[in-house]
C-alpha atoms as a PDB file:
ATOM      1  CA  MET A   1     178.803 132.069  79.109  1.00  0.00           C
ATOM      2  CA  ALA A   2     182.534 131.325  79.155  1.00  0.00           C
ATOM      3  CA  THR A   3     184.068 130.738  75.730  1.00  0.00           C
ATOM      4  CA  ASN A   4     185.409 127.276  76.631  1.00  0.00           C
ATOM      5  CA  SER A   5     182.202 125.989  78.222  1.00  0.00           C
ATOM      6  CA  PRO A   6     180.287 123.143  76.571  1.00  0.00           C
ATOM      7  CA  LEU A   7     177.082 123.997  74.754  1.00  0.00           C
ATOM      8  CA  PHE A   8     173.920 121.976  75.412  1.00  0.00           C
ATOM      9  CA  ILE A   9     171.449 121.599  72.545  1.00  0.00           C
ATOM     10  CA  GLU A  10     167.947 120.490  73.532  1.00  0.00           C
ATOM     11  CA  LEU A  11     166.765 117.578  71.380  1.00  0.00           C
ATOM     12  CA  GLY A  12     163.332 117.254  72.954  1.00  0.00           C
ATOM     13  CA  GLN A  13     161.721 114.641  75.217  1.00  0.00           C
ATOM     14  CA  GLY A  14     164.197 115.439  77.987  1.00  0.00           C
ATOM     15  CA  LEU A  15     167.255 114.735  75.818  1.00  0.00           C
ATOM     16  CA  SER A  16     170.135 117.122  75.152  1.00  0.00           C
ATOM     17  CA  LEU A  17     173.423 116.968  73.260  1.00  0.00           C
ATOM     18  CA  MET A  18     176.648 118.423  74.653  1.00  0.00           C
ATOM     19  CA  THR A  19     178.995 120.021  72.095  1.00  0.00           C
ATOM     20  CA  GLY A  20     182.064 122.207  72.188  1.00  0.00           C
ATOM     21  CA  LEU A  21     184.284 120.024  74.353  1.00  0.00           C
ATOM     22  CA  PRO A  22     188.031 120.064  73.832  1.00  0.00           C
ATOM     23  CA  THR A  23     189.684 117.225  71.942  1.00  0.00           C
ATOM     24  CA  ILE A  24     192.912 115.382  72.697  1.00  0.00           C
ATOM     25  CA  ASN A  25     195.539 114.771  70.029  1.00  0.00           C
ATOM     26  CA  SER A  26     196.438 111.173  69.244  1.00  0.00           C
ATOM     27  CA  TRP A  27     199.536 109.490  67.816  1.00  0.00           C
ATOM     28  CA  GLY A  28     201.451 106.236  67.628  1.00  0.00           C
ATOM     29  CA  ASP A  29     204.896 105.463  69.001  1.00  0.00           C
ATOM     30  CA  ASP A  30     206.620 106.592  65.795  1.00  0.00           C
ATOM     31  CA  ASN A  31     204.759 109.860  65.250  1.00  0.00           C
ATOM     32  CA  ARG A  32     204.681 111.653  68.594  1.00  0.00           C
ATOM     33  CA  PRO A  33     205.127 115.432  68.345  1.00  0.00           C
ATOM     34  CA  GLU A  34     208.711 116.182  67.274  1.00  0.00           C
ATOM     35  CA  GLU A  35     209.254 119.186  69.551  1.00  0.00           C
ATOM     36  CA  PRO A  36     206.649 118.893  72.331  1.00  0.00           C
ATOM     37  CA  LYS A  37     206.311 121.545  74.998  1.00  0.00           C
ATOM     38  CA  LYS A  38     206.374 120.588  78.668  1.00  0.00           C
ATOM     39  CA  GLY A  39     202.837 119.614  79.637  1.00  0.00           C
ATOM     40  CA  THR A  40     201.824 118.241  76.209  1.00  0.00           C
ATOM     41  CA  ILE A  41     199.246 115.454  76.547  1.00  0.00           C
ATOM     42  CA  GLY A  42     197.812 113.031  74.019  1.00  0.00           C
ATOM     43  CA  PHE A  43     196.540 109.515  73.465  1.00  0.00           C
ATOM     44  CA  ASN A  44     198.849 106.821  72.082  1.00  0.00           C
ATOM     45  CA  THR A  45     196.730 104.614  69.793  1.00  0.00           C
ATOM     46  CA  GLU A  46     199.316 101.805  69.807  1.00  0.00           C
ATOM     47  CA  THR A  47     199.710 101.437  73.576  1.00  0.00           C
ATOM     48  CA  TYR A  48     196.214 102.667  74.587  1.00  0.00           C
ATOM     49  CA  GLN A  49     197.805 105.113  77.012  1.00  0.00           C
ATOM     50  CA  LEU A  50     197.217 108.732  77.792  1.00  0.00           C
ATOM     51  CA  GLU A  51     200.714 110.256  77.585  1.00  0.00           C
ATOM     52  CA  TYR A  52     202.271 113.312  79.227  1.00  0.00           C
ATOM     53  CA  PHE A  53     205.539 115.043  78.300  1.00  0.00           C
ATOM     54  CA  ASP A  54     207.365 116.413  81.366  1.00  0.00           C
ATOM     55  CA  GLY A  55     210.004 118.316  79.430  1.00  0.00           C
ATOM     56  CA  SER A  56     212.469 115.435  79.188  1.00  0.00           C
ATOM     57  CA  GLY A  57     210.444 112.289  78.454  1.00  0.00           C
ATOM     58  CA  TRP A  58     207.032 110.740  77.823  1.00  0.00           C
ATOM     59  CA  TYR A  59     205.054 109.083  80.620  1.00  0.00           C
ATOM     60  CA  GLY A  60     201.865 107.100  80.162  1.00  0.00           C
ATOM     61  CA  VAL A  61     198.839 105.947  82.110  1.00  0.00           C
ATOM     62  CA  ALA A  62     197.339 102.657  80.949  1.00  0.00           C
ATOM     63  CA  LEU A  63     193.624 102.700  80.112  1.00  0.00           C
ATOM     64  CA  SER A  64     191.431  99.617  79.761  1.00  0.00           C
ATOM     65  CA  LYS A  65     190.004  98.731  76.354  1.00  0.00           C
ATOM     66  CA  ALA A  66     186.237  98.837  76.112  1.00  0.00           C
END
């Protein structure tokens, strides 16, 4: 099994739980990473946007609130 693959744990009665998935960092407008690398992604908890740093600025994709 690949080291970054999710792990499925059988719970019984046809149910399973998936674990081992990657997580995404989160921040607000005032506490984005200070020296991000090109390609850095994260979730802005103030704007509800997934953000991407292209090497010179932040760009976001709006997500709907559940």
